[in-house]
All heavy atoms as atom14 arrays in JSON, in Angstrom:
{
  "sequence": "RQELARTQNAIERITGTKPVLMRPPEGRTNRKVAKVCRNLGLAQVLW",
  "atom14_mask": [
    [1, 1, 1, 1, 1, 1, 1, 1, 1, 1, 1, 0, 0, 0],
    [1, 1, 1, 1, 1, 1, 1, 1, 1, 0, 0, 0, 0, 0],
    [1, 1, 1, 1, 1, 1, 1, 1, 1, 0, 0, 0, 0, 0],
    [1, 1, 1, 1, 1, 1, 1, 1, 0, 0, 0, 0, 0, 0],
    [1, 1, 1, 1, 1, 0, 0, 0, 0, 0, 0, 0, 0, 0],
    [1, 1, 1, 1, 1, 1, 1, 1, 1, 1, 1, 0, 0, 0],
    [1, 1, 1, 1, 1, 1, 1, 0, 0, 0, 0, 0, 0, 0],
    [1, 1, 1, 1, 1, 1, 1, 1, 1, 0, 0, 0, 0, 0],
    [1, 1, 1, 1, 1, 1, 1, 1, 0, 0, 0, 0, 0, 0],
    [1, 1, 1, 1, 1, 0, 0, 0, 0, 0, 0, 0, 0, 0],
    [1, 1, 1, 1, 1, 1, 1, 1, 0, 0, 0, 0, 0, 0],
    [1, 1, 1, 1, 1, 1, 1, 1, 1, 0, 0, 0, 0, 0],
    [1, 1, 1, 1, 1, 1, 1, 1, 1, 1, 1, 0, 0, 0],
    [1, 1, 1, 1, 1, 1, 1, 1, 0, 0, 0, 0, 0, 0],
    [1, 1, 1, 1, 1, 1, 1, 0, 0, 0, 0, 0, 0, 0],
    [1, 1, 1, 1, 0, 0, 0, 0, 0, 0, 0, 0, 0, 0],
    [1, 1, 1, 1, 1, 1, 1, 0, 0, 0, 0, 0, 0, 0],
    [1, 1, 1, 1, 1, 1, 1, 1, 1, 0, 0, 0, 0, 0],
    [1, 1, 1, 1, 1, 1, 1, 0, 0, 0, 0, 0, 0, 0],
    [1, 1, 1, 1, 1, 1, 1, 0, 0, 0, 0, 0, 0, 0],
    [1, 1, 1, 1, 1, 1, 1, 1, 0, 0, 0, 0, 0, 0],
    [1, 1, 1, 1, 1, 1, 1, 1, 0, 0, 0, 0, 0, 0],
    [1, 1, 1, 1, 1, 1, 1, 1, 1, 1, 1, 0, 0, 0],
    [1, 1, 1, 1, 1, 1, 1, 0, 0, 0, 0, 0, 0, 0],
    [1, 1, 1, 1, 1, 1, 1, 0, 0, 0, 0, 0, 0, 0],
    [1, 1, 1, 1, 1, 1, 1, 1, 1, 0, 0, 0, 0, 0],
    [1, 1, 1, 1, 0, 0, 0, 0, 0, 0, 0, 0, 0, 0],
    [1, 1, 1, 1, 1, 1, 1, 1, 1, 1, 1, 0, 0, 0],
    [1, 1, 1, 1, 1, 1, 1, 0, 0, 0, 0, 0, 0, 0],
    [1, 1, 1, 1, 1, 1, 1, 1, 0, 0, 0, 0, 0, 0],
    [1, 1, 1, 1, 1, 1, 1, 1, 1, 1, 1, 0, 0, 0],
    [1, 1, 1, 1, 1, 1, 1, 1, 1, 0, 0, 0, 0, 0],
    [1, 1, 1, 1, 1, 1, 1, 0, 0, 0, 0, 0, 0, 0],
    [1, 1, 1, 1, 1, 0, 0, 0, 0, 0, 0, 0, 0, 0],
    [1, 1, 1, 1, 1, 1, 1, 1, 1, 0, 0, 0, 0, 0],
    [1, 1, 1, 1, 1, 1, 1, 0, 0, 0, 0, 0, 0, 0],
    [1, 1, 1, 1, 1, 1, 0, 0, 0, 0, 0, 0, 0, 0],
    [1, 1, 1, 1, 1, 1, 1, 1, 1, 1, 1, 0, 0, 0],
    [1, 1, 1, 1, 1, 1, 1, 1, 0, 0, 0, 0, 0, 0],
    [1, 1, 1, 1, 1, 1, 1, 1, 0, 0, 0, 0, 0, 0],
    [1, 1, 1, 1, 0, 0, 0, 0, 0, 0, 0, 0, 0, 0],
    [1, 1, 1, 1, 1, 1, 1, 1, 0, 0, 0, 0, 0, 0],
    [1, 1, 1, 1, 1, 0, 0, 0, 0, 0, 0, 0, 0, 0],
    [1, 1, 1, 1, 1, 1, 1, 1, 1, 0, 0, 0, 0, 0],
    [1, 1, 1, 1, 1, 1, 1, 0, 0, 0, 0, 0, 0, 0],
    [1, 1, 1, 1, 1, 1, 1, 1, 0, 0, 0, 0, 0, 0],
    [1, 1, 1, 1, 1, 1, 1, 1, 1, 1, 1, 1, 1, 1]
  ],
  "atom14_positions": [
    [[116.83, 130.37, 49.18], [116.83, 129.24, 50.1], [116.92, 127.92, 49.33], [117.65, 127.0, 49.73], [115.56, 129.26, 50.95], [115.5, 128.14, 51.97], [114.23, 128.18, 52.81], [114.2, 129.38, 53.66], [113.46, 130.44, 53.43], [112.67, 130.48, 52.35], [113.51, 131.48, 54.24], [0.0, 0.0, 0.0], [0.0, 0.0, 0.0], [0.0, 0.0, 0.0]],
    [[116.23, 127.83, 48.21], [116.26, 126.6, 47.41], [117.65, 126.34, 46.85], [118.12, 125.19, 46.83], [115.24, 126.7, 46.27], [115.18, 125.5, 45.35], [114.69, 124.24, 46.04], [114.12, 124.29, 47.12], [114.92, 123.09, 45.41], [0.0, 0.0, 0.0], [0.0, 0.0, 0.0], [0.0, 0.0, 0.0], [0.0, 0.0, 0.0], [0.0, 0.0, 0.0]],
    [[118.33, 127.39, 46.42], [119.69, 127.24, 45.89], [120.62, 126.61, 46.92], [121.47, 125.78, 46.6], [120.25, 128.61, 45.49], [119.83, 129.09, 44.13], [120.54, 128.32, 43.03], [121.78, 128.21, 43.06], [119.85, 127.82, 42.13], [0.0, 0.0, 0.0], [0.0, 0.0, 0.0], [0.0, 0.0, 0.0], [0.0, 0.0, 0.0], [0.0, 0.0, 0.0]],
    [[120.46, 127.01, 48.17], [121.33, 126.51, 49.24], [120.83, 125.18, 49.8], [121.61, 124.26, 50.03], [121.44, 127.55, 50.35], [122.2, 128.82, 49.96], [122.0, 129.91, 51.01], [123.69, 128.53, 49.79], [0.0, 0.0, 0.0], [0.0, 0.0, 0.0], [0.0, 0.0, 0.0], [0.0, 0.0, 0.0], [0.0, 0.0, 0.0], [0.0, 0.0, 0.0]],
    [[119.54, 125.08, 50.03], [118.99, 123.87, 50.65], [119.17, 122.65, 49.75], [119.49, 121.56, 50.24], [117.51, 124.08, 50.96], [0.0, 0.0, 0.0], [0.0, 0.0, 0.0], [0.0, 0.0, 0.0], [0.0, 0.0, 0.0], [0.0, 0.0, 0.0], [0.0, 0.0, 0.0], [0.0, 0.0, 0.0], [0.0, 0.0, 0.0], [0.0, 0.0, 0.0]],
    [[119.0, 122.83, 48.47], [119.18, 121.7, 47.55], [120.62, 121.19, 47.6], [120.86, 119.98, 47.59], [118.81, 122.13, 46.13], [118.83, 121.0, 45.13], [118.37, 121.47, 43.76], [118.35, 120.38, 42.79], [118.07, 120.53, 41.51], [117.76, 121.74, 41.03], [118.08, 119.49, 40.7], [0.0, 0.0, 0.0], [0.0, 0.0, 0.0], [0.0, 0.0, 0.0]],
    [[121.56, 122.11, 47.69], [122.97, 121.74, 47.77], [123.28, 121.09, 49.1], [124.02, 120.09, 49.17], [123.85, 122.98, 47.55], [123.39, 123.67, 46.38], [125.31, 122.59, 47.35], [0.0, 0.0, 0.0], [0.0, 0.0, 0.0], [0.0, 0.0, 0.0], [0.0, 0.0, 0.0], [0.0, 0.0, 0.0], [0.0, 0.0, 0.0], [0.0, 0.0, 0.0]],
    [[122.73, 121.65, 50.18], [122.91, 121.06, 51.51], [122.47, 119.59, 51.51], [123.18, 118.71, 52.01], [122.08, 121.82, 52.55], [122.6, 123.19, 52.93], [123.82, 123.14, 53.82], [124.94, 123.08, 53.33], [123.61, 123.14, 55.12], [0.0, 0.0, 0.0], [0.0, 0.0, 0.0], [0.0, 0.0, 0.0], [0.0, 0.0, 0.0], [0.0, 0.0, 0.0]],
    [[121.3, 119.35, 50.98], [120.74, 117.99, 51.0], [121.57, 117.03, 50.16], [121.77, 115.87, 50.54], [119.29, 118.02, 50.5], [118.37, 118.76, 51.45], [118.65, 118.87, 52.64], [117.28, 119.29, 50.93], [0.0, 0.0, 0.0], [0.0, 0.0, 0.0], [0.0, 0.0, 0.0], [0.0, 0.0, 0.0], [0.0, 0.0, 0.0], [0.0, 0.0, 0.0]],
    [[122.06, 117.5, 49.01], [122.87, 116.65, 48.15], [124.2, 116.29, 48.82], [124.65, 115.15, 48.76], [123.13, 117.34, 46.81], [0.0, 0.0, 0.0], [0.0, 0.0, 0.0], [0.0, 0.0, 0.0], [0.0, 0.0, 0.0], [0.0, 0.0, 0.0], [0.0, 0.0, 0.0], [0.0, 0.0, 0.0], [0.0, 0.0, 0.0], [0.0, 0.0, 0.0]],
    [[124.81, 117.28, 49.47], [126.08, 117.03, 50.16], [125.87, 116.03, 51.3], [126.66, 115.09, 51.49], [126.68, 118.35, 50.69], [127.1, 119.24, 49.53], [127.88, 118.06, 51.6], [127.48, 120.64, 49.94], [0.0, 0.0, 0.0], [0.0, 0.0, 0.0], [0.0, 0.0, 0.0], [0.0, 0.0, 0.0], [0.0, 0.0, 0.0], [0.0, 0.0, 0.0]],
    [[124.8, 116.21, 52.07], [124.52, 115.3, 53.18], [124.25, 113.88, 52.68], [124.7, 112.9, 53.28], [123.35, 115.8, 53.99], [123.07, 114.93, 55.21], [121.88, 115.41, 56.02], [120.96, 116.0, 55.42], [121.87, 115.19, 57.24], [0.0, 0.0, 0.0], [0.0, 0.0, 0.0], [0.0, 0.0, 0.0], [0.0, 0.0, 0.0], [0.0, 0.0, 0.0]],
    [[123.54, 113.78, 51.57], [123.21, 112.47, 51.04], [124.48, 111.7, 50.63], [124.57, 110.48, 50.79], [122.28, 112.64, 49.83], [121.72, 111.34, 49.28], [120.57, 111.6, 48.32], [120.96, 112.46, 47.21], [120.54, 113.72, 47.04], [119.73, 114.28, 47.95], [120.92, 114.43, 46.0], [0.0, 0.0, 0.0], [0.0, 0.0, 0.0], [0.0, 0.0, 0.0]],
    [[125.48, 112.43, 50.11], [126.7, 111.78, 49.62], [127.73, 111.57, 50.71], [128.4, 110.53, 50.77], [127.3, 112.62, 48.46], [126.34, 112.61, 47.26], [128.67, 112.08, 48.05], [126.68, 113.67, 46.22], [0.0, 0.0, 0.0], [0.0, 0.0, 0.0], [0.0, 0.0, 0.0], [0.0, 0.0, 0.0], [0.0, 0.0, 0.0], [0.0, 0.0, 0.0]],
    [[127.87, 112.55, 51.61], [128.95, 112.49, 52.6], [128.46, 112.15, 54.0], [129.26, 111.8, 54.87], [129.67, 113.84, 52.69], [128.79, 114.83, 53.26], [130.14, 114.3, 51.32], [0.0, 0.0, 0.0], [0.0, 0.0, 0.0], [0.0, 0.0, 0.0], [0.0, 0.0, 0.0], [0.0, 0.0, 0.0], [0.0, 0.0, 0.0], [0.0, 0.0, 0.0]],
    [[127.16, 112.28, 54.24], [126.63, 112.01, 55.57], [126.62, 113.21, 56.49], [126.17, 113.12, 57.63], [0.0, 0.0, 0.0], [0.0, 0.0, 0.0], [0.0, 0.0, 0.0], [0.0, 0.0, 0.0], [0.0, 0.0, 0.0], [0.0, 0.0, 0.0], [0.0, 0.0, 0.0], [0.0, 0.0, 0.0], [0.0, 0.0, 0.0], [0.0, 0.0, 0.0]],
    [[127.11, 114.34, 56.01], [127.22, 115.54, 56.85], [126.76, 116.77, 56.09], [127.12, 116.96, 54.92], [128.67, 115.76, 57.32], [129.12, 114.57, 57.98], [128.76, 116.93, 58.27], [0.0, 0.0, 0.0], [0.0, 0.0, 0.0], [0.0, 0.0, 0.0], [0.0, 0.0, 0.0], [0.0, 0.0, 0.0], [0.0, 0.0, 0.0], [0.0, 0.0, 0.0]],
    [[126.01, 117.64, 56.76], [125.61, 118.92, 56.16], [126.67, 119.97, 56.47], [127.15, 120.07, 57.6], [124.27, 119.39, 56.71], [123.06, 118.8, 56.02], [121.78, 119.47, 56.5], [120.57, 118.9, 55.76], [119.31, 119.57, 56.18], [0.0, 0.0, 0.0], [0.0, 0.0, 0.0], [0.0, 0.0, 0.0], [0.0, 0.0, 0.0], [0.0, 0.0, 0.0]],
    [[127.03, 120.79, 55.51], [128.0, 121.86, 55.76], [127.47, 122.9, 56.74], [126.27, 123.07, 56.91], [128.19, 122.5, 54.37], [127.78, 121.46, 53.4], [126.67, 120.71, 54.08], [0.0, 0.0, 0.0], [0.0, 0.0, 0.0], [0.0, 0.0, 0.0], [0.0, 0.0, 0.0], [0.0, 0.0, 0.0], [0.0, 0.0, 0.0], [0.0, 0.0, 0.0]],
    [[128.4, 123.6, 57.38], [128.06, 124.73, 58.24], [128.61, 126.03, 57.65], [128.43, 127.11, 58.22], [128.6, 124.54, 59.67], [127.94, 123.34, 60.33], [130.12, 124.39, 59.68], [0.0, 0.0, 0.0], [0.0, 0.0, 0.0], [0.0, 0.0, 0.0], [0.0, 0.0, 0.0], [0.0, 0.0, 0.0], [0.0, 0.0, 0.0], [0.0, 0.0, 0.0]],
    [[129.27, 125.91, 56.5], [129.84, 127.08, 55.82], [129.29, 127.19, 54.41], [128.98, 126.17, 53.77], [131.37, 126.97, 55.73], [132.17, 126.79, 57.02], [133.65, 126.63, 56.68], [131.96, 127.98, 57.95], [0.0, 0.0, 0.0], [0.0, 0.0, 0.0], [0.0, 0.0, 0.0], [0.0, 0.0, 0.0], [0.0, 0.0, 0.0], [0.0, 0.0, 0.0]],
    [[129.18, 128.39, 53.92], [128.83, 128.61, 52.52], [129.62, 129.8, 52.0], [130.13, 130.62, 52.77], [127.33, 128.87, 52.35], [126.79, 130.14, 52.99], [127.03, 131.68, 52.01], [125.83, 131.43, 50.71], [0.0, 0.0, 0.0], [0.0, 0.0, 0.0], [0.0, 0.0, 0.0], [0.0, 0.0, 0.0], [0.0, 0.0, 0.0], [0.0, 0.0, 0.0]],
    [[129.73, 129.87, 50.69], [130.33, 131.05, 50.05], [129.36, 131.55, 48.99], [129.02, 130.83, 48.05], [131.68, 130.71, 49.42], [132.28, 131.9, 48.63], [133.75, 131.66, 48.32], [134.58, 131.87, 49.51], [135.77, 131.28, 49.69], [136.23, 130.44, 48.78], [136.48, 131.54, 50.77], [0.0, 0.0, 0.0], [0.0, 0.0, 0.0], [0.0, 0.0, 0.0]],
    [[128.88, 132.79, 49.14], [127.94, 133.32, 48.15], [128.63, 133.56, 46.81], [129.75, 134.08, 46.78], [127.49, 134.65, 48.78], [128.59, 135.02, 49.73], [129.18, 133.75, 50.22], [0.0, 0.0, 0.0], [0.0, 0.0, 0.0], [0.0, 0.0, 0.0], [0.0, 0.0, 0.0], [0.0, 0.0, 0.0], [0.0, 0.0, 0.0], [0.0, 0.0, 0.0]],
    [[128.02, 133.16, 45.71], [128.61, 133.43, 44.4], [128.98, 134.89, 44.23], [128.19, 135.79, 44.57], [127.49, 133.01, 43.43], [126.77, 131.93, 44.17], [126.78, 132.37, 45.61], [0.0, 0.0, 0.0], [0.0, 0.0, 0.0], [0.0, 0.0, 0.0], [0.0, 0.0, 0.0], [0.0, 0.0, 0.0], [0.0, 0.0, 0.0], [0.0, 0.0, 0.0]],
    [[130.2, 135.11, 43.75], [130.75, 136.46, 43.54], [130.9, 137.23, 44.85], [131.16, 138.43, 44.84], [129.9, 137.25, 42.54], [129.83, 136.61, 41.17], [129.03, 137.43, 40.18], [128.8, 138.64, 40.42], [128.61, 136.85, 39.15], [0.0, 0.0, 0.0], [0.0, 0.0, 0.0], [0.0, 0.0, 0.0], [0.0, 0.0, 0.0], [0.0, 0.0, 0.0]],
    [[130.71, 136.57, 45.98], [130.82, 137.24, 47.27], [129.69, 138.21, 47.56], [129.79, 139.04, 48.46], [0.0, 0.0, 0.0], [0.0, 0.0, 0.0], [0.0, 0.0, 0.0], [0.0, 0.0, 0.0], [0.0, 0.0, 0.0], [0.0, 0.0, 0.0], [0.0, 0.0, 0.0], [0.0, 0.0, 0.0], [0.0, 0.0, 0.0], [0.0, 0.0, 0.0]],
    [[128.59, 138.09, 46.83], [127.48, 139.04, 46.96], [126.5, 138.57, 48.04], [125.94, 137.47, 47.94], [126.76, 139.21, 45.63], [127.64, 139.88, 44.57], [126.94, 139.91, 43.23], [127.78, 140.49, 42.21], [127.75, 141.76, 41.83], [126.89, 142.6, 42.39], [128.55, 142.21, 40.87], [0.0, 0.0, 0.0], [0.0, 0.0, 0.0], [0.0, 0.0, 0.0]],
    [[126.31, 139.4, 49.02], [125.39, 139.06, 50.1], [124.69, 140.31, 50.61], [125.1, 141.44, 50.31], [126.14, 138.35, 51.25], [125.18, 137.86, 52.19], [127.13, 139.28, 51.95], [0.0, 0.0, 0.0], [0.0, 0.0, 0.0], [0.0, 0.0, 0.0], [0.0, 0.0, 0.0], [0.0, 0.0, 0.0], [0.0, 0.0, 0.0], [0.0, 0.0, 0.0]],
    [[123.64, 140.1, 51.38], [122.9, 141.21, 51.99], [122.08, 140.64, 53.15], [122.27, 139.49, 53.55], [122.0, 141.91, 50.96], [121.04, 140.95, 50.26], [120.75, 139.86, 50.75], [120.54, 141.36, 49.1], [0.0, 0.0, 0.0], [0.0, 0.0, 0.0], [0.0, 0.0, 0.0], [0.0, 0.0, 0.0], [0.0, 0.0, 0.0], [0.0, 0.0, 0.0]],
    [[121.19, 141.44, 53.71], [120.41, 140.98, 54.86], [119.54, 139.78, 54.52], [119.37, 138.87, 55.33], [119.53, 142.12, 55.37], [120.28, 143.19, 56.14], [119.31, 144.22, 56.68], [119.99, 145.24, 57.48], [119.38, 146.27, 58.03], [118.07, 146.43, 57.85], [120.06, 147.16, 58.74], [0.0, 0.0, 0.0], [0.0, 0.0, 0.0], [0.0, 0.0, 0.0]],
    [[118.97, 139.79, 53.33], [118.12, 138.67, 52.93], [118.92, 137.37, 52.88], [118.48, 136.34, 53.42], [117.52, 138.95, 51.55], [116.76, 137.78, 50.93], [116.46, 138.04, 49.47], [117.74, 138.07, 48.65], [117.51, 138.46, 47.24], [0.0, 0.0, 0.0], [0.0, 0.0, 0.0], [0.0, 0.0, 0.0], [0.0, 0.0, 0.0], [0.0, 0.0, 0.0]],
    [[120.09, 137.42, 52.27], [120.94, 136.23, 52.18], [121.37, 135.78, 53.57], [121.38, 134.59, 53.88], [122.17, 136.5, 51.28], [123.11, 135.31, 51.27], [121.73, 136.85, 49.86], [0.0, 0.0, 0.0], [0.0, 0.0, 0.0], [0.0, 0.0, 0.0], [0.0, 0.0, 0.0], [0.0, 0.0, 0.0], [0.0, 0.0, 0.0], [0.0, 0.0, 0.0]],
    [[121.71, 136.75, 54.42], [122.11, 136.43, 55.79], [120.98, 135.72, 56.54], [121.21, 134.76, 57.29], [122.54, 137.69, 56.53], [0.0, 0.0, 0.0], [0.0, 0.0, 0.0], [0.0, 0.0, 0.0], [0.0, 0.0, 0.0], [0.0, 0.0, 0.0], [0.0, 0.0, 0.0], [0.0, 0.0, 0.0], [0.0, 0.0, 0.0], [0.0, 0.0, 0.0]],
    [[119.76, 136.18, 56.33], [118.6, 135.56, 56.98], [118.42, 134.12, 56.53], [118.2, 133.2, 57.34], [117.33, 136.37, 56.67], [116.06, 135.76, 57.26], [114.83, 136.55, 56.83], [113.54, 135.88, 57.32], [112.34, 136.62, 56.84], [0.0, 0.0, 0.0], [0.0, 0.0, 0.0], [0.0, 0.0, 0.0], [0.0, 0.0, 0.0], [0.0, 0.0, 0.0]],
    [[118.52, 133.89, 55.22], [118.38, 132.54, 54.68], [119.47, 131.64, 55.24], [119.21, 130.51, 55.67], [118.44, 132.57, 53.14], [118.54, 131.16, 52.57], [117.22, 133.28, 52.56], [0.0, 0.0, 0.0], [0.0, 0.0, 0.0], [0.0, 0.0, 0.0], [0.0, 0.0, 0.0], [0.0, 0.0, 0.0], [0.0, 0.0, 0.0], [0.0, 0.0, 0.0]],
    [[120.7, 132.15, 55.26], [121.82, 131.35, 55.78], [121.64, 131.04, 57.26], [121.92, 129.93, 57.71], [123.13, 132.1, 55.56], [123.64, 132.16, 53.84], [0.0, 0.0, 0.0], [0.0, 0.0, 0.0], [0.0, 0.0, 0.0], [0.0, 0.0, 0.0], [0.0, 0.0, 0.0], [0.0, 0.0, 0.0], [0.0, 0.0, 0.0], [0.0, 0.0, 0.0]],
    [[121.17, 132.02, 58.0], [120.94, 131.81, 59.43], [119.91, 130.7, 59.65], [120.1, 129.83, 60.5], [120.47, 133.12, 60.07], [120.41, 133.09, 61.58], [120.37, 134.49, 62.15], [119.34, 135.32, 61.54], [119.58, 136.36, 60.73], [120.82, 136.7, 60.44], [118.59, 137.06, 60.21], [0.0, 0.0, 0.0], [0.0, 0.0, 0.0], [0.0, 0.0, 0.0]],
    [[118.86, 130.69, 58.86], [117.82, 129.67, 58.99], [118.31, 128.29, 58.59], [117.81, 127.27, 59.1], [116.61, 130.05, 58.14], [115.87, 131.27, 58.68], [116.0, 131.6, 59.86], [115.12, 131.95, 57.83], [0.0, 0.0, 0.0], [0.0, 0.0, 0.0], [0.0, 0.0, 0.0], [0.0, 0.0, 0.0], [0.0, 0.0, 0.0], [0.0, 0.0, 0.0]],
    [[119.3, 128.24, 57.69], [119.84, 126.95, 57.23], [121.07, 126.52, 58.01], [121.64, 125.47, 57.73], [120.18, 127.04, 55.73], [119.0, 127.18, 54.76], [119.5, 127.42, 53.35], [118.13, 125.93, 54.81], [0.0, 0.0, 0.0], [0.0, 0.0, 0.0], [0.0, 0.0, 0.0], [0.0, 0.0, 0.0], [0.0, 0.0, 0.0], [0.0, 0.0, 0.0]],
    [[121.49, 127.33, 58.98], [122.65, 126.97, 59.79], [123.97, 127.17, 59.1], [124.94, 126.46, 59.39], [0.0, 0.0, 0.0], [0.0, 0.0, 0.0], [0.0, 0.0, 0.0], [0.0, 0.0, 0.0], [0.0, 0.0, 0.0], [0.0, 0.0, 0.0], [0.0, 0.0, 0.0], [0.0, 0.0, 0.0], [0.0, 0.0, 0.0], [0.0, 0.0, 0.0]],
    [[124.05, 128.15, 58.19], [125.24, 128.37, 57.39], [125.9, 129.71, 57.7], [125.25, 130.75, 57.67], [124.9, 128.34, 55.89], [124.54, 126.96, 55.32], [123.86, 127.12, 53.96], [125.78, 126.1, 55.2], [0.0, 0.0, 0.0], [0.0, 0.0, 0.0], [0.0, 0.0, 0.0], [0.0, 0.0, 0.0], [0.0, 0.0, 0.0], [0.0, 0.0, 0.0]],
    [[127.19, 129.68, 57.98], [127.98, 130.9, 58.08], [128.52, 131.23, 56.69], [128.8, 130.34, 55.89], [129.14, 130.71, 59.06], [0.0, 0.0, 0.0], [0.0, 0.0, 0.0], [0.0, 0.0, 0.0], [0.0, 0.0, 0.0], [0.0, 0.0, 0.0], [0.0, 0.0, 0.0], [0.0, 0.0, 0.0], [0.0, 0.0, 0.0], [0.0, 0.0, 0.0]],
    [[128.67, 132.53, 56.41], [129.14, 132.97, 55.1], [130.64, 133.27, 55.15], [131.1, 133.94, 56.07], [128.38, 134.22, 54.67], [126.87, 134.05, 54.66], [126.17, 135.32, 54.23], [126.18, 135.7, 53.06], [125.55, 136.0, 55.19], [0.0, 0.0, 0.0], [0.0, 0.0, 0.0], [0.0, 0.0, 0.0], [0.0, 0.0, 0.0], [0.0, 0.0, 0.0]],
    [[131.36, 132.81, 54.15], [132.81, 132.96, 54.13], [133.25, 133.7, 52.86], [133.04, 133.21, 51.74], [133.52, 131.59, 54.19], [135.03, 131.78, 54.18], [133.07, 130.81, 55.42], [0.0, 0.0, 0.0], [0.0, 0.0, 0.0], [0.0, 0.0, 0.0], [0.0, 0.0, 0.0], [0.0, 0.0, 0.0], [0.0, 0.0, 0.0], [0.0, 0.0, 0.0]],
    [[133.84, 134.87, 53.04], [134.41, 135.61, 51.91], [135.92, 135.34, 51.87], [136.37, 134.31, 52.35], [134.07, 137.09, 52.02], [132.56, 137.4, 52.07], [132.32, 138.9, 52.02], [131.81, 136.7, 50.95], [0.0, 0.0, 0.0], [0.0, 0.0, 0.0], [0.0, 0.0, 0.0], [0.0, 0.0, 0.0], [0.0, 0.0, 0.0], [0.0, 0.0, 0.0]],
    [[136.7, 136.22, 51.32], [138.12, 135.94, 51.12], [138.94, 137.22, 51.13], [138.4, 138.32, 51.06], [138.33, 135.21, 49.79], [137.84, 135.99, 48.61], [138.54, 136.89, 47.86], [136.52, 135.95, 48.04], [137.75, 137.41, 46.86], [136.51, 136.86, 46.95], [135.35, 135.23, 48.35], [135.38, 137.06, 46.17], [134.22, 135.45, 47.56], [134.24, 136.35, 46.5]]
  ]
}
């Protein structure tokens, strides 16, 4: 959560808007990551 929340806050501080999308490093995700993203309002995007 800290990895994502810290980035969310920095982006909002600079641009005025919080993202609604994230990409997990290496595309690695699981239920825990999904829960954290859901709580932070982030959808996960792979490729």
